Amino acid sequence: MCLSGSVVFRVGDETRELGPGDTWSIPGNVPHEVQVGPEGAVVIDVFVPTRDDWREAERVGQRKPRWPTS
């Protein structure tokens, strides 16, 4: 889900620009890429089902959140 700014998603052969409030579902094992718009973007990624390969990923230390300034 795009919270602010914009992104251009390519999923398979389809390309779409997303703005605030827009969502896009990416099926598993489908090639995809994203480019952030000129003003940047804040997005939320949700994985269903949970990505088990991330359970074993190395954890990094906490950092201060970076929130949009506008």
PDB file of N, CA and C in Angstrom:
ATOM      1  N   MET A   1       0.845  -1.175   0.000  1.00  0.00           N
ATOM      2  CA  MET A   1       0.000   0.000   0.000  1.00  0.00           C
ATOM      3  C   MET A   1       0.888   1.235   0.000  1.00  0.00           C
ATOM      4  N   CYS A   2       0.573   2.165  -0.862  1.00  0.00           N
ATOM      5  CA  CYS A   2       1.299   3.431  -0.916  1.00  0.00           C
ATOM      6  C   CYS A   2       0.632   4.410   0.039  1.00  0.00           C
ATOM      7  N   LEU A   3       1.391   4.903   1.035  1.00  0.00           N
ATOM      8  CA  LEU A   3       0.849   5.852   1.999  1.00  0.00           C
ATOM      9  C   LEU A   3       1.018   7.294   1.541  1.00  0.00           C
ATOM     10  N   SER A   4       2.169   7.600   0.932  1.00  0.00           N
ATOM     11  CA  SER A   4       2.406   8.943   0.420  1.00  0.00           C
ATOM     12  C   SER A   4       3.416   8.871  -0.709  1.00  0.00           C
ATOM     13  N   GLY A   5       3.450   9.913  -1.529  1.00  0.00           N
ATOM     14  CA  GLY A   5       4.343   9.911  -2.678  1.00  0.00           C
ATOM     15  C   GLY A   5       3.787   9.035  -3.787  1.00  0.00           C
ATOM     16  N   SER A   6       4.694   8.463  -4.583  1.00  0.00           N
ATOM     17  CA  SER A   6       4.261   7.595  -5.682  1.00  0.00           C
ATOM     18  C   SER A   6       5.342   6.586  -6.016  1.00  0.00           C
ATOM     19  N   VAL A   7       4.913   5.483  -6.612  1.00  0.00           N
ATOM     20  CA  VAL A   7       5.811   4.443  -7.098  1.00  0.00           C
ATOM     21  C   VAL A   7       5.262   3.938  -8.430  1.00  0.00           C
ATOM     22  N   VAL A   8       6.154   3.429  -9.263  1.00  0.00           N
ATOM     23  CA  VAL A   8       5.744   2.774 -10.496  1.00  0.00           C
ATOM     24  C   VAL A   8       6.101   1.302 -10.348  1.00  0.00           C
ATOM     25  N   PHE A   9       5.081   0.429 -10.354  1.00  0.00           N
ATOM     26  CA  PHE A   9       5.254  -1.008 -10.211  1.00  0.00           C
ATOM     27  C   PHE A   9       5.201  -1.680 -11.572  1.00  0.00           C
ATOM     28  N   ARG A  10       6.075  -2.639 -11.764  1.00  0.00           N
ATOM     29  CA  ARG A  10       5.958  -3.556 -12.899  1.00  0.00           C
ATOM     30  C   ARG A  10       5.812  -4.941 -12.315  1.00  0.00           C
ATOM     31  N   VAL A  11       4.718  -5.601 -12.632  1.00  0.00           N
ATOM     32  CA  VAL A  11       4.464  -6.978 -12.210  1.00  0.00           C
ATOM     33  C   VAL A  11       4.206  -7.774 -13.475  1.00  0.00           C
ATOM     34  N   GLY A  12       5.100  -8.726 -13.776  1.00  0.00           N
ATOM     35  CA  GLY A  12       4.990  -9.449 -15.040  1.00  0.00           C
ATOM     36  C   GLY A  12       5.126  -8.467 -16.188  1.00  0.00           C
ATOM     37  N   ASP A  13       4.148  -8.427 -17.071  1.00  0.00           N
ATOM     38  CA  ASP A  13       4.171  -7.521 -18.227  1.00  0.00           C
ATOM     39  C   ASP A  13       3.358  -6.253 -18.008  1.00  0.00           C
ATOM     40  N   GLU A  14       2.790  -6.072 -16.823  1.00  0.00           N
ATOM     41  CA  GLU A  14       1.925  -4.918 -16.560  1.00  0.00           C
ATOM     42  C   GLU A  14       2.654  -3.881 -15.708  1.00  0.00           C
ATOM     43  N   THR A  15       2.496  -2.603 -16.066  1.00  0.00           N
ATOM     44  CA  THR A  15       3.090  -1.502 -15.308  1.00  0.00           C
ATOM     45  C   THR A  15       1.975  -0.571 -14.858  1.00  0.00           C
ATOM     46  N   ARG A  16       2.087  -0.093 -13.612  1.00  0.00           N
ATOM     47  CA  ARG A  16       1.056   0.788 -13.067  1.00  0.00           C
ATOM     48  C   ARG A  16       1.690   1.764 -12.082  1.00  0.00           C
ATOM     49  N   GLU A  17       1.229   3.021 -12.101  1.00  0.00           N
ATOM     50  CA  GLU A  17       1.681   4.007 -11.123  1.00  0.00           C
ATOM     51  C   GLU A  17       0.716   4.006  -9.941  1.00  0.00           C
ATOM     52  N   LEU A  18       1.276   3.987  -8.731  1.00  0.00           N
ATOM     53  CA  LEU A  18       0.478   3.984  -7.508  1.00  0.00           C
ATOM     54  C   LEU A  18       0.703   5.277  -6.744  1.00  0.00           C
ATOM     55  N   GLY A  19      -0.367   5.816  -6.173  1.00  0.00           N
ATOM     56  CA  GLY A  19      -0.303   6.988  -5.316  1.00  0.00           C
ATOM     57  C   GLY A  19      -0.895   6.657  -3.967  1.00  0.00           C
ATOM     58  N   PRO A  20      -1.048   7.651  -3.102  1.00  0.00           N
ATOM     59  CA  PRO A  20      -1.567   7.423  -1.754  1.00  0.00           C
ATOM     60  C   PRO A  20      -2.893   6.663  -1.755  1.00  0.00           C
ATOM     61  N   GLY A  21      -2.934   5.573  -0.966  1.00  0.00           N
ATOM     62  CA  GLY A  21      -4.126   4.742  -0.837  1.00  0.00           C
ATOM     63  C   GLY A  21      -4.213   3.605  -1.838  1.00  0.00           C
ATOM     64  N   ASP A  22      -3.352   3.611  -2.861  1.00  0.00           N
ATOM     65  CA  ASP A  22      -3.388   2.549  -3.871  1.00  0.00           C
ATOM     66  C   ASP A  22      -2.651   1.304  -3.386  1.00  0.00           C
ATOM     67  N   THR A  23      -3.124   0.140  -3.845  1.00  0.00           N
ATOM     68  CA  THR A  23      -2.498  -1.137  -3.508  1.00  0.00           C
ATOM     69  C   THR A  23      -2.311  -1.961  -4.776  1.00  0.00           C
ATOM     70  N   TRP A  24      -1.453  -2.965  -4.663  1.00  0.00           N
ATOM     71  CA  TRP A  24      -1.239  -3.889  -5.763  1.00  0.00           C
ATOM     72  C   TRP A  24      -0.826  -5.219  -5.182  1.00  0.00           C
ATOM     73  N   SER A  25      -1.420  -6.293  -5.672  1.00  0.00           N
ATOM     74  CA  SER A  25      -1.081  -7.639  -5.229  1.00  0.00           C
ATOM     75  C   SER A  25      -0.091  -8.251  -6.211  1.00  0.00           C
ATOM     76  N   ILE A  26       0.976  -8.826  -5.690  1.00  0.00           N
ATOM     77  CA  ILE A  26       1.998  -9.463  -6.517  1.00  0.00           C
ATOM     78  C   ILE A  26       1.952 -10.961  -6.258  1.00  0.00           C
ATOM     79  N   PRO A  27       1.515 -11.760  -7.228  1.00  0.00           N
ATOM     80  CA  PRO A  27       1.490 -13.213  -7.032  1.00  0.00           C
ATOM     81  C   PRO A  27       2.907 -13.749  -6.786  1.00  0.00           C
ATOM     82  N   GLY A  28       2.999 -14.847  -6.048  1.00  0.00           N
ATOM     83  CA  GLY A  28       4.289 -15.465  -5.777  1.00  0.00           C
ATOM     84  C   GLY A  28       4.998 -15.887  -7.054  1.00  0.00           C
ATOM     85  N   ASN A  29       6.306 -15.769  -7.044  1.00  0.00           N
ATOM     86  CA  ASN A  29       7.176 -16.204  -8.140  1.00  0.00           C
ATOM     87  C   ASN A  29       6.925 -15.485  -9.462  1.00  0.00           C
ATOM     88  N   VAL A  30       6.367 -14.272  -9.418  1.00  0.00           N
ATOM     89  CA  VAL A  30       6.187 -13.461 -10.620  1.00  0.00           C
ATOM     90  C   VAL A  30       7.236 -12.349 -10.580  1.00  0.00           C
ATOM     91  N   PRO A  31       8.044 -12.205 -11.638  1.00  0.00           N
ATOM     92  CA  PRO A  31       9.043 -11.130 -11.650  1.00  0.00           C
ATOM     93  C   PRO A  31       8.367  -9.765 -11.472  1.00  0.00           C
ATOM     94  N   HIS A  32       8.987  -8.918 -10.663  1.00  0.00           N
ATOM     95  CA  HIS A  32       8.427  -7.591 -10.423  1.00  0.00           C
ATOM     96  C   HIS A  32       9.543  -6.625 -10.035  1.00  0.00           C
ATOM     97  N   GLU A  33       9.241  -5.334 -10.186  1.00  0.00           N
ATOM     98  CA  GLU A  33      10.183  -4.299  -9.775  1.00  0.00           C
ATOM     99  C   GLU A  33       9.393  -3.036  -9.455  1.00  0.00           C
ATOM    100  N   VAL A  34      10.025  -2.113  -8.745  1.00  0.00           N
ATOM    101  CA  VAL A  34       9.375  -0.857  -8.390  1.00  0.00           C
ATOM    102  C   VAL A  34      10.390   0.277  -8.508  1.00  0.00           C
ATOM    103  N   GLN A  35       9.912   1.407  -8.967  1.00  0.00           N
ATOM    104  CA  GLN A  35      10.719   2.626  -9.008  1.00  0.00           C
ATOM    105  C   GLN A  35       9.963   3.689  -8.225  1.00  0.00           C
ATOM    106  N   VAL A  36      10.675   4.383  -7.355  1.00  0.00           N
ATOM    107  CA  VAL A  36      10.066   5.413  -6.516  1.00  0.00           C
ATOM    108  C   VAL A  36       9.918   6.693  -7.325  1.00  0.00           C
ATOM    109  N   GLY A  37       8.799   7.391  -7.127  1.00  0.00           N
ATOM    110  CA  GLY A  37       8.537   8.640  -7.824  1.00  0.00           C
ATOM    111  C   GLY A  37       9.487   9.745  -7.394  1.00  0.00           C
ATOM    112  N   PRO A  38       9.433  10.887  -8.074  1.00  0.00           N
ATOM    113  CA  PRO A  38      10.389  11.976  -7.835  1.00  0.00           C
ATOM    114  C   PRO A  38      10.327  12.561  -6.427  1.00  0.00           C
ATOM    115  N   GLU A  39       9.178  12.480  -5.756  1.00  0.00           N
ATOM    116  CA  GLU A  39       9.060  13.027  -4.408  1.00  0.00           C
ATOM    117  C   GLU A  39       9.279  11.976  -3.329  1.00  0.00           C
ATOM    118  N   GLY A  40       9.679  10.749  -3.719  1.00  0.00           N
ATOM    119  CA  GLY A  40       9.860   9.667  -2.766  1.00  0.00           C
ATOM    120  C   GLY A  40       8.535   8.982  -2.485  1.00  0.00           C
ATOM    121  N   ALA A  41       8.534   8.060  -1.544  1.00  0.00           N
ATOM    122  CA  ALA A  41       7.314   7.332  -1.210  1.00  0.00           C
ATOM    123  C   ALA A  41       7.460   6.688   0.161  1.00  0.00           C
ATOM    124  N   VAL A  42       6.325   6.526   0.817  1.00  0.00           N
ATOM    125  CA  VAL A  42       6.229   5.730   2.044  1.00  0.00           C
ATOM    126  C   VAL A  42       5.235   4.625   1.730  1.00  0.00           C
ATOM    127  N   VAL A  43       5.672   3.368   1.879  1.00  0.00           N
ATOM    128  CA  VAL A  43       4.824   2.229   1.531  1.00  0.00           C
ATOM    129  C   VAL A  43       4.835   1.203   2.660  1.00  0.00           C
ATOM    130  N   ILE A  44       3.831   0.337   2.652  1.00  0.00           N
ATOM    131  CA  ILE A  44       3.760  -0.796   3.571  1.00  0.00           C
ATOM    132  C   ILE A  44       3.742  -2.061   2.722  1.00  0.00           C
ATOM    133  N   ASP A  45       4.639  -2.994   3.018  1.00  0.00           N
ATOM    134  CA  ASP A  45       4.640  -4.308   2.371  1.00  0.00           C
ATOM    135  C   ASP A  45       4.024  -5.314   3.326  1.00  0.00           C
ATOM    136  N   VAL A  46       3.114  -6.134   2.822  1.00  0.00           N
ATOM    137  CA  VAL A  46       2.484  -7.182   3.619  1.00  0.00           C
ATOM    138  C   VAL A  46       2.645  -8.487   2.852  1.00  0.00           C
ATOM    139  N   PHE A  47       3.130  -9.524   3.527  1.00  0.00           N
ATOM    140  CA  PHE A  47       3.342 -10.824   2.889  1.00  0.00           C
ATOM    141  C   PHE A  47       2.368 -11.847   3.460  1.00  0.00           C
ATOM    142  N   VAL A  48       1.570 -12.452   2.570  1.00  0.00           N
ATOM    143  CA  VAL A  48       0.617 -13.488   2.958  1.00  0.00           C
ATOM    144  C   VAL A  48       0.730 -14.614   1.954  1.00  0.00           C
ATOM    145  N   PRO A  49       1.053 -15.827   2.367  1.00  0.00           N
ATOM    146  CA  PRO A  49       1.386 -16.199   3.741  1.00  0.00           C
ATOM    147  C   PRO A  49       2.736 -15.613   4.148  1.00  0.00           C
ATOM    148  N   THR A  50       3.022 -15.702   5.438  1.00  0.00           N
ATOM    149  CA  THR A  50       4.281 -15.194   5.967  1.00  0.00           C
ATOM    150  C   THR A  50       5.450 -15.790   5.219  1.00  0.00           C
ATOM    151  N   ARG A  51       6.461 -14.963   4.937  1.00  0.00           N
ATOM    152  CA  ARG A  51       7.658 -15.448   4.246  1.00  0.00           C
ATOM    153  C   ARG A  51       8.574 -16.142   5.249  1.00  0.00           C
ATOM    154  N   ASP A  52       8.571 -17.470   5.221  1.00  0.00           N
ATOM    155  CA  ASP A  52       9.385 -18.236   6.155  1.00  0.00           C
ATOM    156  C   ASP A  52      10.877 -17.962   5.979  1.00  0.00           C
ATOM    157  N   ASP A  53      11.310 -17.621   4.750  1.00  0.00           N
ATOM    158  CA  ASP A  53      12.734 -17.359   4.535  1.00  0.00           C
ATOM    159  C   ASP A  53      13.196 -16.119   5.301  1.00  0.00           C
ATOM    160  N   TRP A  54      12.295 -15.253   5.707  1.00  0.00           N
ATOM    161  CA  TRP A  54      12.680 -14.068   6.470  1.00  0.00           C
ATOM    162  C   TRP A  54      12.768 -14.356   7.969  1.00  0.00           C
ATOM    163  N   ARG A  55      12.188 -15.468   8.424  1.00  0.00           N
ATOM    164  CA  ARG A  55      12.252 -15.791   9.852  1.00  0.00           C
ATOM    165  C   ARG A  55      13.688 -15.990  10.312  1.00  0.00           C
ATOM    166  N   GLU A  56      14.526 -16.537   9.445  1.00  0.00           N
ATOM    167  CA  GLU A  56      15.910 -16.821   9.787  1.00  0.00           C
ATOM    168  C   GLU A  56      16.863 -15.697   9.388  1.00  0.00           C
ATOM    169  N   ALA A  57      16.345 -14.607   8.833  1.00  0.00           N
ATOM    170  CA  ALA A  57      17.194 -13.497   8.393  1.00  0.00           C
ATOM    171  C   ALA A  57      17.886 -12.848   9.590  1.00  0.00           C
ATOM    172  N   GLU A  58      19.089 -12.363   9.354  1.00  0.00           N
ATOM    173  CA  GLU A  58      19.841 -11.689  10.404  1.00  0.00           C
ATOM    174  C   GLU A  58      19.096 -10.429  10.840  1.00  0.00           C
ATOM    175  N   ARG A  59      18.984 -10.241  12.132  1.00  0.00           N
ATOM    176  CA  ARG A  59      18.320  -9.069  12.684  1.00  0.00           C
ATOM    177  C   ARG A  59      19.338  -7.936  12.800  1.00  0.00           C
ATOM    178  N   VAL A  60      18.886  -6.746  12.524  1.00  0.00           N
ATOM    179  CA  VAL A  60      19.745  -5.575  12.684  1.00  0.00           C
ATOM    180  C   VAL A  60      19.252  -4.770  13.872  1.00  0.00           C
ATOM    181  N   GLY A  61      20.113  -3.926  14.400  1.00  0.00           N
ATOM    182  CA  GLY A  61      19.737  -3.121  15.551  1.00  0.00           C
ATOM    183  C   GLY A  61      18.627  -2.141  15.219  1.00  0.00           C
ATOM    184  N   GLN A  62      17.913  -1.711  16.241  1.00  0.00           N
ATOM    185  CA  GLN A  62      16.849  -0.748  16.030  1.00  0.00           C
ATOM    186  C   GLN A  62      17.429   0.582  15.594  1.00  0.00           C
ATOM    187  N   ARG A  63      16.636   1.316  14.821  1.00  0.00           N
ATOM    188  CA  ARG A  63      17.040   2.652  14.417  1.00  0.00           C
ATOM    189  C   ARG A  63      15.852   3.583  14.564  1.00  0.00           C
ATOM    190  N   LYS A  64      16.149   4.846  14.619  1.00  0.00           N
ATOM    191  CA  LYS A  64      15.098   5.841  14.749  1.00  0.00           C
ATOM    192  C   LYS A  64      14.213   5.811  13.503  1.00  0.00           C
ATOM    193  N   PRO A  65      12.880   5.792  13.652  1.00  0.00           N
ATOM    194  CA  PRO A  65      11.992   5.789  12.481  1.00  0.00           C
ATOM    195  C   PRO A  65      12.175   7.041  11.643  1.00  0.00           C
ATOM    196  N   ARG A  66      12.006   6.898  10.340  1.00  0.00           N
ATOM    197  CA  ARG A  66      12.060   8.050   9.429  1.00  0.00           C
ATOM    198  C   ARG A  66      10.651   8.269   8.899  1.00  0.00           C
ATOM    199  N   TRP A  67       9.981   9.278   9.387  1.00  0.00           N
ATOM    200  CA  TRP A  67       8.607   9.566   8.979  1.00  0.00           C
ATOM    201  C   TRP A  67       8.597  10.707   7.993  1.00  0.00           C
ATOM    202  N   PRO A  68       7.603  10.739   7.142  1.00  0.00           N
ATOM    203  CA  PRO A  68       7.496  11.884   6.208  1.00  0.00           C
ATOM    204  C   PRO A  68       7.412  13.189   6.968  1.00  0.00           C
ATOM    205  N   THR A  69       8.003  14.215   6.415  1.00  0.00           N
ATOM    206  CA  THR A  69       8.011  15.516   7.088  1.00  0.00           C
ATOM    207  C   THR A  69       6.831  16.377   6.671  1.00  0.00           C
ATOM    208  N   SER A  70       6.074  15.934   5.667  1.00  0.00           N
ATOM    209  CA  SER A  70       4.930  16.743   5.253  1.00  0.00           C
ATOM    210  C   SER A  70       3.661  15.921   5.269  1.00  0.00           C
TER     211      SER A  70
END
